[in-house]
Amino acid sequence: MRSFIAALCLSLASLSSAHADDPYTITGVDIDATSSNALEAYQLALREGQREAARRLVRRLTLAEDRVDTPLDLQPHMDEYGEMQPGFALSDAIIAEMISGLEIRNEQRSATRYLAELDVSFHRRSVARVMDAYGVPFVESQSRPMLVLPVFEGETGFQMFESNPWRAAWRQNFSNALTPMYVPSRAAITARQALELDETALLELARSQGVNRIAVLRAGERGGARRFGGYLVEVAADGSLAVETWGPQTVYGDWNTGARDFVADREEAWKVQSVVRDGEETELRVTVMYSGLPEWRRLQQALTRASLVQNAQLDALSRDGARMTVSYRGAFEQLVSELAERGATLEEHPGLGWVVLTTP
């Protein structure tokens, strides 16, 4: 209980980390509580807000099937005695230990009621300890950002940068999602070019925005039903485009809900691909190839900051290459995938073995 009260009393001025763009930050939790006095209402609201933030974090980082029969299961379930138990049984003390920062926005107070929005950041290592304690595998890092081109089919035709309710829905902050997404303020591409998958325009857009994934999402409303669908475009290392059709999907709610549903779909796909189930470490000798100090630093950071990499030891260094011993968890394919997300390619070369290069 003391640790929970301590979390309530954290100095908000020192908690700017709640805005860091990482999957361990949960933003926009609405809190609302009423009690016999203002202090109790504040404490109750904050406690419930932290629990809701922890629920959202667990949902974000883990797959539902891996949470079954653990305190992290978010669904109510029947125990061995036939009694119905509520979902998510983490104690307030454990949740408080996981939290590294809080920020409160848009406060409203009265003598008996407290309302606000809460941003909560969680400590990676504390979260990992809790997940490991209950044997729940989880995703530890984000994918590379995806650029979204929201095209709306209105009465006057297709719109993207004009008055567009679908584009407005993407003003929500998805930078902390497992699959970060953003919409360009302006771009040298038209709605028609996007829908027709104009290769020249899409490649130039990817280059100018520094991304290798673009979602072209066409939305419209007919007969009171909102639907959207489109294409997931990925720029390969050789500059070619790989296109996957997505949807269409009906939106049960407003366009904001549709945007959140799409992000949740991409997050689920990323979790299936990236969740680490094998905790054993594997050692790999690699050669890092680079053309100068800036490139060496980028590749070194890609290796040392990869969530799967437990240790990256420098064995030898020269002007255009380095030898390193890397210890990593998970499957080799997952390591290759995560490094690719960080702009590094891991491939086998004759005579050199496994080589780390900057992704073209």
Protein backbone atom coordinates (compact mmCIF):
# COMPACT_ATOMS: atom_id res chain seq x y z
CA MET A 1 0.00 0.00 0.00
CA ARG A 2 2.86 2.37 0.78
CA SER A 3 4.33 1.96 -2.68
CA PHE A 4 0.94 2.75 -4.19
CA ILE A 5 0.52 5.89 -2.10
CA ALA A 6 4.04 6.90 -3.11
CA ALA A 7 3.04 6.59 -6.74
CA LEU A 8 0.06 8.84 -6.09
CA CYS A 9 2.33 11.47 -4.63
CA LEU A 10 4.89 11.57 -7.43
CA SER A 11 5.92 15.05 -8.48
CA LEU A 12 4.18 15.65 -11.79
CA ALA A 13 6.80 18.18 -12.82
CA SER A 14 9.40 15.42 -13.03
CA LEU A 15 7.36 13.02 -15.13
CA SER A 16 7.76 14.29 -18.68
CA SER A 17 8.78 10.75 -19.69
CA ALA A 18 5.07 9.96 -20.00
CA HIS A 19 5.22 11.52 -23.45
CA ALA A 20 8.07 9.37 -24.76
CA ASP A 21 7.19 7.68 -28.05
CA ASP A 22 7.43 4.09 -26.91
CA PRO A 23 4.93 1.26 -26.37
CA TYR A 24 5.32 1.48 -22.59
CA THR A 25 3.44 4.80 -22.49
CA ILE A 26 -0.35 4.88 -22.29
CA THR A 27 -1.98 8.24 -23.01
CA GLY A 28 -5.47 9.66 -22.75
CA VAL A 29 -6.95 7.60 -19.91
CA ASP A 30 -10.15 9.34 -18.77
CA ILE A 31 -10.51 9.34 -14.97
CA ASP A 32 -13.67 10.29 -13.09
CA ALA A 33 -14.46 9.55 -9.46
CA THR A 34 -16.81 10.81 -6.76
CA SER A 35 -16.30 10.44 -3.01
CA SER A 36 -17.07 12.13 0.29
CA ASN A 37 -14.32 14.72 -0.16
CA ALA A 38 -12.02 16.12 -2.85
CA LEU A 39 -8.88 14.26 -1.73
CA GLU A 40 -10.57 10.86 -1.68
CA ALA A 41 -12.11 11.52 -5.10
CA TYR A 42 -8.67 12.42 -6.46
CA GLN A 43 -7.02 9.32 -5.00
CA LEU A 44 -9.80 7.02 -6.21
CA ALA A 45 -9.69 8.46 -9.73
CA LEU A 46 -5.91 8.17 -9.91
CA ARG A 47 -5.95 4.58 -8.63
CA GLU A 48 -8.56 3.51 -11.18
CA GLY A 49 -6.72 5.40 -13.92
CA GLN A 50 -3.48 3.58 -13.18
CA ARG A 51 -5.28 0.22 -13.22
CA GLU A 52 -6.88 1.05 -16.57
CA ALA A 53 -3.52 2.14 -17.98
CA ALA A 54 -1.99 -1.15 -16.82
CA ARG A 55 -4.82 -3.08 -18.49
CA ARG A 56 -4.24 -1.24 -21.75
CA LEU A 57 -0.51 -1.88 -21.54
CA VAL A 58 -1.03 -5.62 -21.02
CA ARG A 59 -3.52 -5.73 -23.90
CA ARG A 60 -1.05 -3.87 -26.13
CA LEU A 61 2.01 -6.00 -25.39
CA THR A 62 0.51 -9.50 -25.17
CA LEU A 63 -1.74 -11.91 -27.04
CA ALA A 64 -5.04 -12.95 -25.46
CA GLU A 65 -4.25 -16.68 -25.65
CA ASP A 66 -1.03 -16.18 -23.68
CA ARG A 67 -2.85 -14.43 -20.80
CA VAL A 68 -5.33 -17.24 -20.09
CA ASP A 69 -5.20 -18.62 -16.52
CA THR A 70 -2.84 -15.87 -15.33
CA PRO A 71 -3.48 -12.71 -13.28
CA LEU A 72 -2.96 -10.81 -16.55
CA ASP A 73 -6.06 -12.38 -18.14
CA LEU A 74 -8.32 -9.45 -18.95
CA GLN A 75 -11.49 -11.56 -19.18
CA PRO A 76 -13.57 -12.79 -16.21
CA HIS A 77 -13.15 -16.53 -15.73
CA MET A 78 -14.31 -19.48 -13.65
CA ASP A 79 -11.89 -20.72 -10.99
CA GLU A 80 -11.32 -24.34 -9.96
CA TYR A 81 -14.16 -24.09 -7.42
CA GLY A 82 -16.70 -22.93 -9.98
CA GLU A 83 -16.64 -19.33 -8.77
CA MET A 84 -16.58 -16.47 -11.28
CA GLN A 85 -13.45 -14.35 -10.87
CA PRO A 86 -12.90 -10.88 -12.33
CA GLY A 87 -10.27 -10.42 -14.99
CA PHE A 88 -6.92 -8.69 -14.40
CA ALA A 89 -5.86 -9.54 -10.87
CA LEU A 90 -2.69 -7.46 -10.56
CA SER A 91 -2.55 -5.70 -7.21
CA ASP A 92 -2.29 -1.93 -6.89
CA ALA A 93 1.15 -2.39 -5.30
CA ILE A 94 2.48 -4.32 -8.30
CA ILE A 95 1.04 -1.77 -10.71
CA ALA A 96 2.67 1.05 -8.73
CA GLU A 97 6.04 -0.69 -8.99
CA MET A 98 5.63 -0.88 -12.77
CA ILE A 99 4.93 2.85 -13.18
CA SER A 100 7.77 5.23 -13.97
CA GLY A 101 5.83 8.43 -14.64
CA LEU A 102 2.44 10.14 -14.59
CA GLU A 103 1.05 13.26 -16.15
CA ILE A 104 -2.38 14.72 -15.49
CA ARG A 105 -4.18 16.95 -17.99
CA ASN A 106 -7.51 18.80 -18.19
CA GLU A 107 -8.30 18.59 -14.48
CA GLN A 108 -11.77 19.45 -13.16
CA ARG A 109 -12.45 19.44 -9.43
CA SER A 110 -15.34 19.94 -7.06
CA ALA A 111 -15.83 19.25 -3.36
CA THR A 112 -16.70 15.59 -4.09
CA ARG A 113 -15.71 14.84 -7.69
CA TYR A 114 -12.48 14.70 -9.70
CA LEU A 115 -12.15 14.43 -13.51
CA ALA A 116 -9.03 14.51 -15.69
CA GLU A 117 -7.02 12.76 -18.40
CA LEU A 118 -4.09 10.63 -17.34
CA ASP A 119 -0.90 9.68 -19.20
CA VAL A 120 1.09 6.84 -17.65
CA SER A 121 4.55 5.59 -18.57
CA PHE A 122 5.77 2.21 -17.37
CA HIS A 123 9.30 1.03 -16.60
CA ARG A 124 10.40 -1.57 -19.16
CA ARG A 125 12.35 -3.74 -16.73
CA SER A 126 9.58 -3.74 -14.13
CA VAL A 127 7.04 -4.74 -16.77
CA ALA A 128 9.37 -7.49 -18.00
CA ARG A 129 9.73 -8.85 -14.45
CA VAL A 130 5.95 -9.05 -14.06
CA MET A 131 5.49 -10.73 -17.45
CA ASP A 132 8.25 -13.22 -16.72
CA ALA A 133 6.88 -13.96 -13.25
CA TYR A 134 3.56 -15.08 -14.74
CA GLY A 135 5.09 -16.75 -17.80
CA VAL A 136 3.39 -14.43 -20.30
CA PRO A 137 5.43 -13.76 -23.47
CA PHE A 138 5.24 -10.20 -24.76
CA VAL A 139 6.43 -7.83 -27.47
CA GLU A 140 9.23 -5.53 -26.35
CA SER A 141 9.62 -3.08 -29.24
CA GLN A 142 7.73 -1.15 -31.88
CA SER A 143 7.72 -1.71 -35.61
CA ARG A 144 8.98 1.03 -37.91
CA PRO A 145 6.42 3.82 -38.40
CA MET A 146 3.75 3.53 -41.06
CA LEU A 147 2.56 6.50 -43.10
CA VAL A 148 -1.23 6.66 -43.55
CA LEU A 149 -2.91 8.24 -46.58
CA PRO A 150 -6.58 8.62 -45.57
CA VAL A 151 -8.71 9.07 -48.70
CA PHE A 152 -12.38 9.97 -48.20
CA GLU A 153 -15.05 9.40 -50.83
CA GLY A 154 -17.36 12.39 -50.49
CA GLU A 155 -20.11 13.91 -52.59
CA THR A 156 -17.58 15.84 -54.69
CA GLY A 157 -15.21 12.91 -55.24
CA PHE A 158 -12.10 11.63 -53.49
CA GLN A 159 -10.48 13.89 -50.91
CA MET A 160 -7.28 13.55 -48.94
CA PHE A 161 -5.84 16.90 -47.90
CA GLU A 162 -9.09 18.82 -48.34
CA SER A 163 -12.03 18.78 -45.87
CA ASN A 164 -11.91 15.15 -44.84
CA PRO A 165 -13.50 13.59 -41.71
CA TRP A 166 -11.47 10.41 -42.22
CA ARG A 167 -8.23 12.40 -42.16
CA ALA A 168 -9.38 14.22 -39.01
CA ALA A 169 -9.71 10.84 -37.26
CA TRP A 170 -5.99 10.26 -37.76
CA ARG A 171 -5.10 13.31 -35.68
CA GLN A 172 -5.21 10.95 -32.71
CA ASN A 173 -1.79 10.20 -31.29
CA PHE A 174 -0.64 6.74 -32.38
CA SER A 175 3.07 7.33 -31.79
CA ASN A 176 3.05 5.03 -28.74
CA ALA A 177 1.34 2.13 -30.50
CA LEU A 178 3.29 -1.05 -31.23
CA THR A 179 2.87 0.01 -34.84
CA PRO A 180 3.34 3.81 -34.83
CA MET A 181 1.37 5.66 -37.49
CA TYR A 182 1.11 9.21 -38.69
CA VAL A 183 -0.43 11.26 -41.49
CA PRO A 184 1.70 13.75 -43.46
CA SER A 185 0.65 17.38 -43.17
CA ARG A 186 1.08 17.70 -46.92
CA ALA A 187 2.59 15.49 -49.61
CA ALA A 188 3.23 15.60 -53.35
CA ILE A 189 0.63 12.92 -54.08
CA THR A 190 -3.03 13.16 -54.98
CA ALA A 191 -5.90 11.02 -53.75
CA ARG A 192 -6.21 9.50 -57.22
CA GLN A 193 -2.50 8.66 -57.39
CA ALA A 194 -2.71 7.01 -53.99
CA LEU A 195 -5.72 4.88 -54.91
CA GLU A 196 -4.17 3.89 -58.22
CA LEU A 197 -0.93 2.96 -56.40
CA ASP A 198 1.16 5.25 -58.56
CA GLU A 199 4.60 3.71 -58.08
CA THR A 200 6.61 6.86 -58.80
CA ALA A 201 4.54 9.00 -56.43
CA LEU A 202 4.57 6.39 -53.64
CA LEU A 203 8.32 5.82 -53.86
CA GLU A 204 9.01 9.55 -53.75
CA LEU A 205 6.66 9.91 -50.79
CA ALA A 206 8.38 7.06 -48.93
CA ARG A 207 11.78 8.62 -49.63
CA SER A 208 10.77 12.12 -48.53
CA GLN A 209 9.05 10.88 -45.36
CA GLY A 210 11.74 8.32 -44.45
CA VAL A 211 9.38 5.34 -44.28
CA ASN A 212 9.14 1.98 -45.99
CA ARG A 213 5.47 1.31 -45.23
CA ILE A 214 2.44 3.24 -46.47
CA ALA A 215 -1.23 2.46 -45.83
CA VAL A 216 -3.63 3.81 -48.45
CA LEU A 217 -7.03 3.72 -46.72
CA ARG A 218 -10.18 4.65 -48.59
CA ALA A 219 -13.26 5.43 -46.49
CA GLY A 220 -16.84 6.35 -47.23
CA GLU A 221 -20.36 6.38 -45.82
CA ARG A 222 -23.41 4.96 -47.57
CA GLY A 223 -26.84 4.28 -46.17
CA GLY A 224 -25.67 5.28 -42.73
CA ALA A 225 -22.89 2.65 -42.73
CA ARG A 226 -19.23 3.64 -42.50
CA ARG A 227 -16.66 1.41 -44.17
CA PHE A 228 -13.00 1.61 -45.07
CA GLY A 229 -10.34 -0.54 -46.69
CA GLY A 230 -7.38 -0.21 -48.97
CA TYR A 231 -3.78 -1.26 -49.48
CA LEU A 232 -0.72 -1.87 -47.33
CA VAL A 233 2.34 -0.91 -49.38
CA GLU A 234 5.88 -1.89 -48.42
CA VAL A 235 9.01 -0.64 -50.17
CA ALA A 236 11.47 -3.53 -50.56
CA ALA A 237 15.25 -3.13 -50.32
CA ASP A 238 15.53 -3.13 -54.13
CA GLY A 239 13.00 -0.29 -54.46
CA SER A 240 10.10 -2.43 -55.63
CA LEU A 241 6.64 -2.24 -54.06
CA ALA A 242 4.90 -5.13 -52.32
CA VAL A 243 1.15 -4.54 -52.02
CA GLU A 244 -1.33 -6.27 -49.71
CA THR A 245 -5.08 -5.63 -49.83
CA TRP A 246 -6.69 -4.80 -46.48
CA GLY A 247 -10.41 -4.79 -45.63
CA PRO A 248 -12.96 -3.51 -46.28
CA GLN A 249 -14.22 -3.21 -42.73
CA THR A 250 -17.39 -1.75 -41.24
CA VAL A 251 -16.90 0.89 -38.55
CA TYR A 252 -19.16 0.45 -35.52
CA GLY A 253 -18.84 3.95 -34.15
CA ASP A 254 -17.31 7.17 -35.43
CA TRP A 255 -14.30 7.55 -37.71
CA ASN A 256 -12.01 7.83 -34.67
CA THR A 257 -13.07 4.29 -33.78
CA GLY A 258 -12.23 3.16 -37.31
CA ALA A 259 -8.70 4.56 -37.04
CA ARG A 260 -8.18 2.87 -33.67
CA ASP A 261 -9.50 -0.43 -35.07
CA PHE A 262 -6.97 -0.32 -37.90
CA VAL A 263 -4.09 0.37 -35.51
CA ALA A 264 -5.26 -2.48 -33.25
CA ASP A 265 -5.33 -4.83 -36.26
CA ARG A 266 -1.76 -3.93 -37.21
CA GLU A 267 -0.63 -4.25 -33.58
CA GLU A 268 -2.10 -7.75 -33.39
CA ALA A 269 -0.26 -8.77 -36.55
CA TRP A 270 2.99 -7.35 -35.17
CA LYS A 271 2.53 -9.27 -31.90
CA VAL A 272 1.96 -12.56 -33.71
CA GLN A 273 5.19 -11.94 -35.65
CA SER A 274 7.34 -10.57 -32.84
CA VAL A 275 6.31 -12.03 -29.48
CA VAL A 276 9.26 -13.85 -27.90
CA ARG A 277 8.44 -17.33 -26.60
CA ASP A 278 11.95 -18.71 -26.26
CA GLY A 279 13.86 -17.17 -23.37
CA GLU A 280 17.13 -18.99 -24.12
CA GLU A 281 20.02 -16.93 -25.46
CA THR A 282 21.83 -17.68 -28.72
CA GLU A 283 25.28 -16.35 -29.57
CA LEU A 284 26.05 -15.09 -33.07
CA ARG A 285 29.28 -13.67 -34.55
CA VAL A 286 28.60 -10.87 -37.04
CA THR A 287 30.59 -8.50 -39.21
CA VAL A 288 29.27 -4.94 -39.31
CA MET A 289 30.04 -3.20 -42.60
CA TYR A 290 29.98 0.60 -42.90
CA SER A 291 31.41 3.46 -44.92
CA GLY A 292 32.10 5.92 -42.14
CA LEU A 293 31.63 6.81 -38.48
CA PRO A 294 27.98 7.99 -38.74
CA GLU A 295 26.92 4.74 -40.42
CA TRP A 296 28.86 2.68 -37.86
CA ARG A 297 27.08 4.47 -35.04
CA ARG A 298 23.66 3.85 -36.62
CA LEU A 299 24.34 0.14 -37.06
CA GLN A 300 25.84 -0.17 -33.61
CA GLN A 301 22.73 1.42 -32.12
CA ALA A 302 20.48 -0.87 -34.17
CA LEU A 303 22.22 -3.86 -32.59
CA THR A 304 22.62 -2.61 -29.04
CA ARG A 305 19.09 -1.17 -28.78
CA ALA A 306 17.25 -4.12 -30.30
CA SER A 307 15.00 -5.56 -27.60
CA LEU A 308 15.96 -9.15 -28.49
CA VAL A 309 19.68 -8.45 -28.15
CA GLN A 310 20.88 -9.16 -24.61
CA ASN A 311 24.54 -8.35 -25.22
CA ALA A 312 26.57 -6.98 -28.15
CA GLN A 313 30.30 -7.22 -27.59
CA LEU A 314 32.79 -5.44 -29.84
CA ASP A 315 35.63 -7.84 -30.74
CA ALA A 316 37.53 -5.87 -33.41
CA LEU A 317 37.19 -2.53 -35.18
CA SER A 318 38.60 -1.12 -38.43
CA ARG A 319 37.88 1.84 -40.74
CA ASP A 320 35.13 0.03 -42.67
CA GLY A 321 34.09 -2.92 -40.54
CA ALA A 322 33.73 -4.35 -37.07
CA ARG A 323 33.48 -7.83 -35.59
CA MET A 324 30.89 -8.30 -32.84
CA THR A 325 29.54 -11.16 -30.77
CA VAL A 326 25.78 -10.81 -30.31
CA SER A 327 23.67 -12.71 -27.76
CA TYR A 328 19.95 -12.65 -28.50
CA ARG A 329 16.65 -14.20 -27.41
CA GLY A 330 13.89 -15.55 -29.60
CA ALA A 331 14.04 -17.04 -33.07
CA PHE A 332 16.68 -15.97 -35.58
CA GLU A 333 13.94 -14.78 -37.97
CA GLN A 334 12.66 -12.46 -35.23
CA LEU A 335 16.11 -10.96 -34.81
CA VAL A 336 16.34 -10.36 -38.57
CA SER A 337 12.90 -8.75 -38.52
CA GLU A 338 13.64 -6.46 -35.57
CA LEU A 339 16.95 -5.30 -37.03
CA ALA A 340 15.15 -4.55 -40.30
CA GLU A 341 12.73 -2.37 -38.32
CA ARG A 342 15.77 -0.46 -37.08
CA GLY A 343 17.22 0.05 -40.55
CA ALA A 344 19.77 -2.78 -40.52
CA THR A 345 19.95 -5.87 -42.74
CA LEU A 346 21.35 -9.15 -41.40
CA GLU A 347 22.36 -11.51 -44.19
CA GLU A 348 24.89 -14.25 -44.88
CA HIS A 349 27.87 -13.51 -47.16
CA PRO A 350 30.40 -16.04 -48.55
CA GLY A 351 33.69 -15.78 -46.67
CA LEU A 352 32.36 -13.28 -44.11
CA GLY A 353 29.52 -15.20 -42.53
CA TRP A 354 26.68 -13.14 -41.07
CA VAL A 355 26.94 -9.46 -42.04
CA VAL A 356 25.06 -6.42 -40.74
CA LEU A 357 24.53 -3.66 -43.34
CA THR A 358 22.47 -0.52 -43.60
CA THR A 359 19.14 -1.31 -45.25
CA PRO A 360 19.14 0.22 -48.77
